[in-house]
PDB file of N, CA and C in Angstrom:
ATOM      1  N   GLY A   1      -3.592  13.638  25.964  1.00  0.00           N
ATOM      2  CA  GLY A   1      -2.451  13.546  25.062  1.00  0.00           C
ATOM      3  C   GLY A   1      -2.488  12.283  24.231  1.00  0.00           C
ATOM      4  N   GLN A   2      -1.653  11.334  24.619  1.00  0.00           N
ATOM      5  CA  GLN A   2      -1.520  10.106  23.826  1.00  0.00           C
ATOM      6  C   GLN A   2      -2.817   9.314  23.753  1.00  0.00           C
ATOM      7  N   VAL A   3      -3.503   9.212  24.905  1.00  0.00           N
ATOM      8  CA  VAL A   3      -4.724   8.399  24.951  1.00  0.00           C
ATOM      9  C   VAL A   3      -5.782   8.972  24.024  1.00  0.00           C
ATOM     10  N   GLU A   4      -5.955  10.306  24.078  1.00  0.00           N
ATOM     11  CA  GLU A   4      -6.953  10.946  23.209  1.00  0.00           C
ATOM     12  C   GLU A   4      -6.609  10.720  21.741  1.00  0.00           C
ATOM     13  N   ARG A   5      -5.316  10.865  21.422  1.00  0.00           N
ATOM     14  CA  ARG A   5      -4.890  10.676  20.038  1.00  0.00           C
ATOM     15  C   ARG A   5      -5.161   9.235  19.595  1.00  0.00           C
ATOM     16  N   PHE A   6      -4.869   8.297  20.484  1.00  0.00           N
ATOM     17  CA  PHE A   6      -5.090   6.886  20.160  1.00  0.00           C
ATOM     18  C   PHE A   6      -6.572   6.597  19.942  1.00  0.00           C
ATOM     19  N   THR A   7      -7.421   7.098  20.840  1.00  0.00           N
ATOM     20  CA  THR A   7      -8.859   6.830  20.692  1.00  0.00           C
ATOM     21  C   THR A   7      -9.392   7.472  19.416  1.00  0.00           C
ATOM     22  N   ARG A   8      -8.893   8.672  19.074  1.00  0.00           N
ATOM     23  CA  ARG A   8      -9.317   9.321  17.816  1.00  0.00           C
ATOM     24  C   ARG A   8      -8.943   8.452  16.620  1.00  0.00           C
ATOM     25  N   ARG A   9      -7.723   7.906  16.651  1.00  0.00           N
ATOM     26  CA  ARG A   9      -7.285   7.050  15.544  1.00  0.00           C
ATOM     27  C   ARG A   9      -8.152   5.810  15.436  1.00  0.00           C
ATOM     28  N   MET A  10      -8.491   5.217  16.587  1.00  0.00           N
ATOM     29  CA  MET A  10      -9.322   4.011  16.588  1.00  0.00           C
ATOM     30  C   MET A  10     -10.718   4.328  16.053  1.00  0.00           C
ATOM     31  N   GLU A  11     -11.266   5.477  16.454  1.00  0.00           N
ATOM     32  CA  GLU A  11     -12.598   5.870  15.976  1.00  0.00           C
ATOM     33  C   GLU A  11     -12.568   6.123  14.471  1.00  0.00           C
ATOM     34  N   ALA A  12     -11.523   6.783  14.001  1.00  0.00           N
ATOM     35  CA  ALA A  12     -11.402   7.062  12.566  1.00  0.00           C
ATOM     36  C   ALA A  12     -11.284   5.750  11.789  1.00  0.00           C
ATOM     37  N   ALA A  13     -10.520   4.815  12.316  1.00  0.00           N
ATOM     38  CA  ALA A  13     -10.349   3.523  11.645  1.00  0.00           C
ATOM     39  C   ALA A  13     -11.674   2.771  11.599  1.00  0.00           C
ATOM     40  N   ALA A  14     -12.447   2.847  12.675  1.00  0.00           N
ATOM     41  CA  ALA A  14     -13.744   2.166  12.708  1.00  0.00           C
ATOM     42  C   ALA A  14     -14.713   2.821  11.727  1.00  0.00           C
ATOM     43  N   ALA A  15     -14.626   4.146  11.591  1.00  0.00           N
ATOM     44  CA  ALA A  15     -15.549   4.886  10.722  1.00  0.00           C
ATOM     45  C   ALA A  15     -15.349   4.501   9.261  1.00  0.00           C
ATOM     46  N   ASN A  16     -14.096   4.325   8.837  1.00  0.00           N
ATOM     47  CA  ASN A  16     -13.888   3.979   7.421  1.00  0.00           C
ATOM     48  C   ASN A  16     -13.356   2.559   7.265  1.00  0.00           C
ATOM     49  N   ALA A  17     -13.857   1.662   8.114  1.00  0.00           N
ATOM     50  CA  ALA A  17     -13.456   0.257   8.024  1.00  0.00           C
ATOM     51  C   ALA A  17     -13.885  -0.307   6.678  1.00  0.00           C
ATOM     52  N   GLY A  18     -13.016  -1.114   6.076  1.00  0.00           N
ATOM     53  CA  GLY A  18     -13.349  -1.729   4.799  1.00  0.00           C
ATOM     54  C   GLY A  18     -12.926  -0.894   3.609  1.00  0.00           C
ATOM     55  N   GLN A  19     -12.655   0.390   3.825  1.00  0.00           N
ATOM     56  CA  GLN A  19     -12.184   1.229   2.719  1.00  0.00           C
ATOM     57  C   GLN A  19     -10.695   0.984   2.522  1.00  0.00           C
ATOM     58  N   LYS A  20     -10.271   1.014   1.283  1.00  0.00           N
ATOM     59  CA  LYS A  20      -8.856   0.790   0.999  1.00  0.00           C
ATOM     60  C   LYS A  20      -8.090   2.097   1.143  1.00  0.00           C
ATOM     61  N   SER A  21      -6.844   1.973   1.564  1.00  0.00           N
ATOM     62  CA  SER A  21      -5.988   3.148   1.682  1.00  0.00           C
ATOM     63  C   SER A  21      -5.647   3.674   0.293  1.00  0.00           C
ATOM     64  N   LYS A  22      -5.147   4.897   0.243  1.00  0.00           N
ATOM     65  CA  LYS A  22      -4.730   5.480  -1.040  1.00  0.00           C
ATOM     66  C   LYS A  22      -3.733   4.553  -1.727  1.00  0.00           C
ATOM     67  N   ARG A  23      -2.787   4.031  -0.951  1.00  0.00           N
ATOM     68  CA  ARG A  23      -1.751   3.165  -1.513  1.00  0.00           C
ATOM     69  C   ARG A  23      -2.375   1.921  -2.129  1.00  0.00           C
ATOM     70  N   GLN A  24      -3.316   1.296  -1.407  1.00  0.00           N
ATOM     71  CA  GLN A  24      -3.952   0.095  -1.936  1.00  0.00           C
ATOM     72  C   GLN A  24      -4.732   0.390  -3.204  1.00  0.00           C
ATOM     73  N   ARG A  25      -5.418   1.560  -3.231  1.00  0.00           N
ATOM     74  CA  ARG A  25      -6.188   1.912  -4.428  1.00  0.00           C
ATOM     75  C   ARG A  25      -5.257   2.140  -5.613  1.00  0.00           C
ATOM     76  N   ARG A  26      -4.109   2.792  -5.374  1.00  0.00           N
ATOM     77  CA  ARG A  26      -3.156   3.033  -6.463  1.00  0.00           C
ATOM     78  C   ARG A  26      -2.605   1.718  -7.009  1.00  0.00           C
ATOM     79  N   LEU A  27      -2.237   0.803  -6.104  1.00  0.00           N
ATOM     80  CA  LEU A  27      -1.696  -0.484  -6.537  1.00  0.00           C
ATOM     81  C   LEU A  27      -2.728  -1.242  -7.364  1.00  0.00           C
ATOM     82  N   GLU A  28      -3.994  -1.205  -6.914  1.00  0.00           N
ATOM     83  CA  GLU A  28      -5.054  -1.901  -7.642  1.00  0.00           C
ATOM     84  C   GLU A  28      -5.237  -1.290  -9.027  1.00  0.00           C
ATOM     85  N   ALA A  29      -5.186   0.032  -9.108  1.00  0.00           N
ATOM     86  CA  ALA A  29      -5.346   0.712 -10.394  1.00  0.00           C
ATOM     87  C   ALA A  29      -4.202   0.328 -11.334  1.00  0.00           C
ATOM     88  N   ARG A  30      -2.991   0.206 -10.800  1.00  0.00           N
ATOM     89  CA  ARG A  30      -1.843  -0.180 -11.630  1.00  0.00           C
ATOM     90  C   ARG A  30      -2.017  -1.592 -12.164  1.00  0.00           C
ATOM     91  N   GLN A  31      -2.533  -2.492 -11.312  1.00  0.00           N
ATOM     92  CA  GLN A  31      -2.713  -3.879 -11.739  1.00  0.00           C
ATOM     93  C   GLN A  31      -3.771  -3.972 -12.831  1.00  0.00           C
ATOM     94  N   GLN A  32      -4.795  -3.131 -12.756  1.00  0.00           N
ATOM     95  CA  GLN A  32      -5.866  -3.174 -13.746  1.00  0.00           C
ATOM     96  C   GLN A  32      -5.424  -2.548 -15.064  1.00  0.00           C
ATOM     97  N   GLY A  33      -4.452  -1.631 -15.006  1.00  0.00           N
ATOM     98  CA  GLY A  33      -3.939  -1.022 -16.232  1.00  0.00           C
ATOM     99  C   GLY A  33      -3.271  -2.076 -17.091  1.00  0.00           C
ATOM    100  N   SER A  34      -3.146  -1.808 -18.383  1.00  0.00           N
ATOM    101  CA  SER A  34      -2.579  -2.816 -19.283  1.00  0.00           C
ATOM    102  C   SER A  34      -1.105  -3.056 -18.961  1.00  0.00           C
ATOM    103  N   ALA A  35      -0.690  -4.292 -19.118  1.00  0.00           N
ATOM    104  CA  ALA A  35       0.687  -4.674 -18.805  1.00  0.00           C
ATOM    105  C   ALA A  35       1.666  -4.049 -19.785  1.00  0.00           C
ATOM    106  N   THR A  36       1.212  -3.764 -21.007  1.00  0.00           N
ATOM    107  CA  THR A  36       2.119  -3.219 -22.018  1.00  0.00           C
ATOM    108  C   THR A  36       2.641  -1.856 -21.577  1.00  0.00           C
ATOM    109  N   ASP A  37       1.788  -1.054 -20.941  1.00  0.00           N
ATOM    110  CA  ASP A  37       2.231   0.259 -20.461  1.00  0.00           C
ATOM    111  C   ASP A  37       3.362   0.087 -19.458  1.00  0.00           C
ATOM    112  N   GLU A  38       3.209  -0.875 -18.540  1.00  0.00           N
ATOM    113  CA  GLU A  38       4.246  -1.099 -17.542  1.00  0.00           C
ATOM    114  C   GLU A  38       5.542  -1.555 -18.206  1.00  0.00           C
ATOM    115  N   ASP A  39       5.424  -2.425 -19.204  1.00  0.00           N
ATOM    116  CA  ASP A  39       6.610  -2.920 -19.904  1.00  0.00           C
ATOM    117  C   ASP A  39       7.356  -1.768 -20.573  1.00  0.00           C
ATOM    118  N   VAL A  40       6.620  -0.854 -21.187  1.00  0.00           N
ATOM    119  CA  VAL A  40       7.239   0.304 -21.840  1.00  0.00           C
ATOM    120  C   VAL A  40       7.943   1.162 -20.803  1.00  0.00           C
ATOM    121  N   GLU A  41       7.282   1.384 -19.664  1.00  0.00           N
ATOM    122  CA  GLU A  41       7.881   2.216 -18.617  1.00  0.00           C
ATOM    123  C   GLU A  41       9.171   1.602 -18.111  1.00  0.00           C
ATOM    124  N   THR A  42       9.179   0.295 -17.877  1.00  0.00           N
ATOM    125  CA  THR A  42      10.390  -0.337 -17.358  1.00  0.00           C
ATOM    126  C   THR A  42      11.503  -0.285 -18.400  1.00  0.00           C
ATOM    127  N   ALA A  43      11.161  -0.433 -19.668  1.00  0.00           N
ATOM    128  CA  ALA A  43      12.164  -0.346 -20.730  1.00  0.00           C
ATOM    129  C   ALA A  43      12.764   1.056 -20.758  1.00  0.00           C
ATOM    130  N   GLU A  44      11.914   2.075 -20.617  1.00  0.00           N
ATOM    131  CA  GLU A  44      12.407   3.455 -20.596  1.00  0.00           C
ATOM    132  C   GLU A  44      13.311   3.686 -19.393  1.00  0.00           C
ATOM    133  N   ASP A  45      12.913   3.123 -18.241  1.00  0.00           N
ATOM    134  CA  ASP A  45      13.738   3.267 -17.042  1.00  0.00           C
ATOM    135  C   ASP A  45      15.110   2.639 -17.267  1.00  0.00           C
ATOM    136  N   ASP A  46      15.148   1.471 -17.896  1.00  0.00           N
ATOM    137  CA  ASP A  46      16.412   0.791 -18.166  1.00  0.00           C
ATOM    138  C   ASP A  46      17.301   1.644 -19.060  1.00  0.00           C
ATOM    139  N   VAL A  47      16.725   2.249 -20.091  1.00  0.00           N
ATOM    140  CA  VAL A  47      17.497   3.102 -21.001  1.00  0.00           C
ATOM    141  C   VAL A  47      18.058   4.292 -20.238  1.00  0.00           C
ATOM    142  N   GLU A  48      17.219   4.921 -19.418  1.00  0.00           N
ATOM    143  CA  GLU A  48      17.678   6.077 -18.638  1.00  0.00           C
ATOM    144  C   GLU A  48      18.804   5.679 -17.694  1.00  0.00           C
ATOM    145  N   ALA A  49      18.692   4.502 -17.098  1.00  0.00           N
ATOM    146  CA  ALA A  49      19.707   4.038 -16.161  1.00  0.00           C
ATOM    147  C   ALA A  49      21.039   3.823 -16.873  1.00  0.00           C
ATOM    148  N   THR A  50      21.002   3.209 -18.053  1.00  0.00           N
ATOM    149  CA  THR A  50      22.244   2.958 -18.783  1.00  0.00           C
ATOM    150  C   THR A  50      22.853   4.267 -19.267  1.00  0.00           C
ATOM    151  N   GLU A  51      22.009   5.210 -19.690  1.00  0.00           N
ATOM    152  CA  GLU A  51      22.521   6.517 -20.114  1.00  0.00           C
ATOM    153  C   GLU A  51      23.179   7.244 -18.943  1.00  0.00           C
ATOM    154  N   ALA A  52      22.558   7.154 -17.782  1.00  0.00           N
ATOM    155  CA  ALA A  52      23.090   7.833 -16.601  1.00  0.00           C
ATOM    156  C   ALA A  52      24.431   7.222 -16.195  1.00  0.00           C
ATOM    157  N   SER A  53      24.547   5.890 -16.271  1.00  0.00           N
ATOM    158  CA  SER A  53      25.795   5.241 -15.868  1.00  0.00           C
ATOM    159  C   SER A  53      26.906   5.514 -16.883  1.00  0.00           C
ATOM    160  N   ALA A  54      26.549   5.753 -18.143  1.00  0.00           N
ATOM    161  CA  ALA A  54      27.547   6.027 -19.179  1.00  0.00           C
ATOM    162  C   ALA A  54      28.179   7.401 -18.986  1.00  0.00           C
ATOM    163  N   GLU A  55      27.416   8.322 -18.413  1.00  0.00           N
ATOM    164  CA  GLU A  55      27.936   9.689 -18.242  1.00  0.00           C
ATOM    165  C   GLU A  55      28.959   9.774 -17.119  1.00  0.00           C
TER     166      GLU A  55
END
């Protein structure tokens, strides 16, 4: 039960040691993307938020 599951997890972790998780890869990709895109997205989010609060 638990022991087998734990050992499987440890073996899987050892097998792909050094590889980044999906989350880490996504964050890295976002950082490499241009900052202007992020600025536009945040501005759009702000507009949507103010429109939503006005309703």
